[in-house]
Amino acid sequence: MKILFLGTSAGWPLPRLGCQCEICVSSDPKDKRKRPVILINEKILVDTGPDIYHQIIKHKVKTENLKDLIITHAHLDHILGVYDLTHVYNLKEKPNLYLTQETITRLRQVYKFPLNPFLPKIVRELETFKINQINFSFIPVEHNRFPTWGLKIKGERLVCYFPDLKKLPPSQEKTCRDVHLLILDGSSLGRIGQAKNHENIIEGIALGKKLKAKMVYFTHIGHKTGRHQNLEEFVQKKGGKNFHIAYDGLEVEI
């Protein structure tokens, strides 16, 4: 399974407009981040933020291969790109759109046009749906007042994707135990700059260890975290060599 990180920022891209913090003035290309999206096996998009047009072009995604879109929840940084994806001219077939009833209800409040060419498929919380021999399910997480899910992805190995997360409910910890690849919310390094609805990287390190994750990557990076290189060194010192910071364009194969 191949996971391509098309975007790894928090709700706003990095650098932030007008900001002069160390991460926003960094010349390191790994500190230039767009909204969180991943691409699985070059065919399955997970979330579609407002930067999706530029992400697809920059990372040379073959749009004719896009067959499935999964939306984890209906926050704007995860759904606004639907508008651009309704006008792709070389699709081989109509893509499936997998989401919960709560998510599609909110999506239709924001996006007033028909969802063509997508074929919506409503999935219940914890229900398994299969795409190309890979099993997926929406895992409930604590985030804010909007219902929010992460994604359990089970092929030959297990991946858990939680870009927006305040807390993983204890009832779901067993679901993700011994996960091969755990992708977590990294909105802040510690309590400085921590949004009340997000875990921080220090908490994420503890969660990764608790779940006995074989590999952990942080995404959804905010501008109060620090530069990529410093963060990478920090998580490996505090967590171990299996902890990393994702960046736009990173591809992980498991």
Protein backbone atom coordinates (compact mmCIF):
# COMPACT_ATOMS: atom_id res chain seq x y z
CA MET A 1 0.00 0.00 0.00
CA LYS A 2 1.29 3.45 -0.92
CA ILE A 3 0.28 6.58 1.02
CA LEU A 4 1.10 9.90 -0.66
CA PHE A 5 0.71 13.00 1.53
CA LEU A 6 -0.68 15.68 -0.79
CA GLY A 7 -1.12 18.10 2.11
CA THR A 8 -0.01 18.19 5.75
CA SER A 9 -0.98 21.61 7.14
CA ALA A 10 -3.65 22.38 9.70
CA GLY A 11 -6.81 24.29 8.76
CA TRP A 12 -4.83 27.06 7.05
CA PRO A 13 -1.84 26.57 4.75
CA LEU A 14 1.75 27.31 5.70
CA PRO A 15 3.10 29.92 5.54
CA ARG A 16 0.17 31.83 6.99
CA LEU A 17 -0.62 35.19 5.42
CA GLY A 18 1.32 38.00 7.12
CA CYS A 19 2.90 35.75 9.75
CA GLN A 20 6.60 36.09 10.58
CA CYS A 21 7.00 33.09 12.90
CA GLU A 22 9.95 30.76 12.34
CA ILE A 23 7.96 28.18 10.41
CA CYS A 24 6.23 30.76 8.20
CA VAL A 25 9.50 32.42 7.16
CA SER A 26 11.36 29.13 6.71
CA SER A 27 13.05 28.50 3.35
CA ASP A 28 12.82 24.72 3.81
CA PRO A 29 10.32 23.37 1.22
CA LYS A 30 9.13 20.85 3.83
CA ASP A 31 7.73 23.80 5.79
CA LYS A 32 5.45 24.77 2.87
CA ARG A 33 2.23 22.94 3.56
CA LYS A 34 -1.27 22.75 2.10
CA ARG A 35 -4.44 21.39 3.69
CA PRO A 36 -4.46 17.70 4.72
CA VAL A 37 -5.16 15.15 1.96
CA ILE A 38 -3.73 11.70 1.32
CA LEU A 39 -3.78 9.58 -1.83
CA ILE A 40 -3.81 5.80 -1.52
CA ASN A 41 -2.34 3.64 -4.28
CA GLU A 42 -2.64 6.53 -6.77
CA LYS A 43 -6.42 6.02 -6.98
CA ILE A 44 -8.17 6.74 -3.67
CA LEU A 45 -8.37 10.29 -2.31
CA VAL A 46 -9.02 10.82 1.38
CA ASP A 47 -10.52 14.28 1.91
CA THR A 48 -10.48 17.16 -0.54
CA GLY A 49 -9.43 20.49 0.88
CA PRO A 50 -9.46 23.88 -0.83
CA ASP A 51 -5.93 23.34 -2.24
CA ILE A 52 -6.77 20.12 -4.09
CA TYR A 53 -6.43 21.61 -7.60
CA HIS A 54 -2.87 22.76 -6.93
CA GLN A 55 -1.98 19.60 -5.01
CA ILE A 56 -3.02 17.36 -7.90
CA ILE A 57 -1.01 19.41 -10.39
CA LYS A 58 2.10 19.79 -8.23
CA HIS A 59 2.34 16.11 -7.38
CA LYS A 60 1.41 14.95 -10.89
CA VAL A 61 -1.61 12.92 -9.81
CA LYS A 62 -3.14 11.12 -12.76
CA THR A 63 -6.72 12.32 -12.57
CA GLU A 64 -7.92 9.64 -14.99
CA ASN A 65 -7.08 7.07 -12.29
CA LEU A 66 -9.16 8.66 -9.54
CA LYS A 67 -11.95 6.23 -8.78
CA ASP A 68 -12.88 6.84 -5.16
CA LEU A 69 -13.10 9.76 -2.75
CA ILE A 70 -13.50 9.32 1.01
CA ILE A 71 -14.43 12.27 3.22
CA THR A 72 -13.70 11.84 6.92
CA HIS A 73 -15.76 14.80 8.15
CA ALA A 74 -17.34 18.03 6.97
CA HIS A 75 -14.95 20.74 8.14
CA LEU A 76 -14.16 23.23 5.39
CA ASP A 77 -10.49 22.29 5.16
CA HIS A 78 -11.61 18.76 4.23
CA ILE A 79 -14.47 19.42 1.79
CA LEU A 80 -14.05 22.69 -0.13
CA GLY A 81 -12.11 20.98 -2.92
CA VAL A 82 -15.20 19.06 -3.97
CA TYR A 83 -16.01 22.02 -6.22
CA ASP A 84 -12.83 21.54 -8.27
CA LEU A 85 -13.22 17.78 -8.47
CA THR A 86 -16.65 18.06 -10.06
CA HIS A 87 -14.87 19.30 -13.20
CA VAL A 88 -12.30 16.67 -14.15
CA TYR A 89 -12.45 15.94 -17.86
CA ASN A 90 -10.57 12.67 -18.29
CA LEU A 91 -12.20 10.43 -15.70
CA LYS A 92 -12.61 6.87 -16.94
CA GLU A 93 -15.71 6.36 -14.82
CA LYS A 94 -17.78 8.19 -12.23
CA PRO A 95 -15.92 8.14 -8.89
CA ASN A 96 -17.56 6.79 -5.76
CA LEU A 97 -17.95 9.17 -2.83
CA TYR A 98 -17.84 7.47 0.57
CA LEU A 99 -19.01 9.43 3.62
CA THR A 100 -21.39 9.27 6.56
CA GLN A 101 -24.93 10.64 6.53
CA GLU A 102 -23.89 13.46 8.88
CA THR A 103 -21.04 14.43 6.55
CA ILE A 104 -23.13 14.49 3.35
CA THR A 105 -25.83 16.52 5.09
CA ARG A 106 -23.28 19.16 6.06
CA LEU A 107 -21.58 18.97 2.66
CA ARG A 108 -24.86 19.74 0.90
CA GLN A 109 -25.38 22.74 3.18
CA VAL A 110 -22.02 24.15 2.08
CA TYR A 111 -21.97 22.95 -1.51
CA LYS A 112 -25.30 23.85 -3.14
CA PHE A 113 -24.69 22.24 -6.53
CA PRO A 114 -25.23 18.63 -7.62
CA LEU A 115 -22.41 16.29 -6.64
CA ASN A 116 -21.91 15.12 -10.22
CA PRO A 117 -19.98 13.14 -11.30
CA PHE A 118 -19.65 11.51 -7.89
CA LEU A 119 -21.78 8.55 -6.85
CA PRO A 120 -22.49 9.06 -3.12
CA LYS A 121 -22.32 5.95 -0.96
CA ILE A 122 -23.50 6.48 2.61
CA VAL A 123 -21.55 4.46 5.16
CA ARG A 124 -22.40 4.01 8.82
CA GLU A 125 -19.94 4.55 11.61
CA LEU A 126 -17.69 1.47 12.03
CA GLU A 127 -19.22 -0.21 8.97
CA THR A 128 -16.65 -1.85 6.71
CA PHE A 129 -16.58 -0.95 3.01
CA LYS A 130 -14.17 -2.39 0.48
CA ILE A 131 -12.24 -0.63 -2.28
CA ASN A 132 -9.78 -2.61 -4.40
CA GLN A 133 -9.35 -5.37 -1.81
CA ILE A 134 -8.73 -2.83 0.96
CA ASN A 135 -11.17 -2.61 3.88
CA PHE A 136 -12.08 0.83 5.21
CA SER A 137 -14.18 1.99 8.15
CA PHE A 138 -14.97 5.32 9.78
CA ILE A 139 -13.67 5.42 13.36
CA PRO A 140 -15.34 7.96 15.69
CA VAL A 141 -12.98 10.40 17.40
CA GLU A 142 -13.41 13.28 19.82
CA HIS A 143 -12.79 16.58 18.04
CA ASN A 144 -15.51 19.24 18.38
CA ARG A 145 -19.27 19.65 18.06
CA PHE A 146 -19.28 18.43 14.47
CA PRO A 147 -19.26 14.62 14.17
CA THR A 148 -15.74 13.62 13.16
CA TRP A 149 -14.19 10.35 12.11
CA GLY A 150 -10.78 8.99 11.40
CA LEU A 151 -10.19 6.19 8.96
CA LYS A 152 -9.16 2.59 9.54
CA ILE A 153 -7.51 1.19 6.42
CA LYS A 154 -6.85 -2.56 6.37
CA GLY A 155 -5.03 -4.18 3.47
CA GLU A 156 -2.15 -6.54 4.04
CA ARG A 157 -1.23 -4.15 6.86
CA LEU A 158 -3.19 -1.77 9.07
CA VAL A 159 -3.19 2.02 8.69
CA CYS A 160 -5.11 4.43 10.96
CA TYR A 161 -5.56 8.00 9.74
CA PHE A 162 -6.57 10.64 12.31
CA PRO A 163 -5.78 14.13 10.92
CA ASP A 164 -8.25 15.85 13.29
CA LEU A 165 -8.24 14.48 16.79
CA LYS A 166 -8.63 15.70 20.34
CA LYS A 167 -8.87 12.21 21.80
CA LEU A 168 -9.26 8.66 20.58
CA PRO A 169 -12.12 7.15 22.60
CA PRO A 170 -10.96 4.26 24.80
CA SER A 171 -13.52 2.04 23.04
CA GLN A 172 -11.55 2.45 19.78
CA GLU A 173 -8.04 1.89 21.13
CA LYS A 174 -8.27 -1.86 20.58
CA THR A 175 -9.22 -1.22 16.96
CA CYS A 176 -5.89 0.51 16.34
CA ARG A 177 -3.59 -1.49 18.59
CA ASP A 178 -0.42 -2.78 16.91
CA VAL A 179 -1.16 -0.58 13.88
CA HIS A 180 1.55 -0.62 11.23
CA LEU A 181 1.14 3.06 10.27
CA LEU A 182 -0.54 5.59 12.56
CA ILE A 183 -1.11 9.10 11.16
CA LEU A 184 -1.99 11.65 13.83
CA ASP A 185 -3.00 15.28 14.37
CA GLY A 186 0.07 17.47 14.94
CA SER A 187 -1.53 20.89 15.25
CA SER A 188 0.85 22.04 18.00
CA LEU A 189 3.99 20.79 19.66
CA GLY A 190 2.74 21.18 23.22
CA ARG A 191 0.26 23.39 25.04
CA ILE A 192 1.62 26.59 23.47
CA GLY A 193 -0.63 27.33 20.53
CA GLN A 194 -2.73 24.22 21.14
CA ALA A 195 -6.29 24.51 19.82
CA LYS A 196 -8.80 23.18 22.32
CA ASN A 197 -10.16 20.66 19.81
CA HIS A 198 -6.82 19.11 18.83
CA GLU A 199 -4.25 16.93 20.52
CA ASN A 200 -0.67 18.10 20.49
CA ILE A 201 2.40 16.21 19.28
CA ILE A 202 3.54 15.35 22.81
CA GLU A 203 0.14 13.76 23.48
CA GLY A 204 0.34 12.03 20.11
CA ILE A 205 3.68 10.45 21.01
CA ALA A 206 2.09 9.03 24.15
CA LEU A 207 -0.85 7.70 22.11
CA GLY A 208 1.46 6.11 19.54
CA LYS A 209 3.36 4.31 22.28
CA LYS A 210 0.14 3.22 23.99
CA LEU A 211 -1.18 1.71 20.75
CA LYS A 212 2.21 0.06 20.09
CA ALA A 213 2.27 1.60 16.63
CA LYS A 214 5.10 0.36 14.45
CA MET A 215 5.36 3.68 12.61
CA VAL A 216 3.86 7.10 13.46
CA TYR A 217 3.64 10.18 11.25
CA PHE A 218 2.21 13.54 12.30
CA THR A 219 0.20 15.61 9.85
CA HIS A 220 -2.13 18.65 10.23
CA ILE A 221 0.91 20.71 11.28
CA GLY A 222 0.18 24.17 12.68
CA HIS A 223 2.40 27.24 12.70
CA LYS A 224 3.07 27.06 16.43
CA THR A 225 4.98 23.81 16.13
CA GLY A 226 8.39 24.75 14.75
CA ARG A 227 10.33 23.96 11.61
CA HIS A 228 10.18 20.53 10.06
CA GLN A 229 13.76 19.53 10.81
CA ASN A 230 13.48 20.51 14.46
CA LEU A 231 10.19 18.66 14.80
CA GLU A 232 11.62 15.54 13.20
CA GLU A 233 14.50 15.55 15.66
CA PHE A 234 12.13 16.19 18.58
CA VAL A 235 9.72 13.31 17.87
CA GLN A 236 12.55 10.86 17.32
CA LYS A 237 14.20 11.89 20.58
CA LYS A 238 10.96 11.73 22.60
CA GLY A 239 9.23 8.89 20.75
CA GLY A 240 11.85 6.83 18.97
CA LYS A 241 13.09 6.19 15.46
CA ASN A 242 9.62 5.12 14.33
CA PHE A 243 8.16 8.63 14.91
CA HIS A 244 8.22 11.15 12.06
CA ILE A 245 6.77 14.41 10.74
CA ALA A 246 5.00 14.12 7.39
CA TYR A 247 5.46 16.74 4.69
CA ASP A 248 3.75 17.54 1.40
CA GLY A 249 4.91 15.11 -1.27
CA LEU A 250 6.06 12.39 1.14
CA GLU A 251 5.18 8.87 0.02
CA VAL A 252 5.19 6.02 2.51
CA GLU A 253 4.91 2.41 1.38
CA ILE A 254 3.97 -0.33 3.83
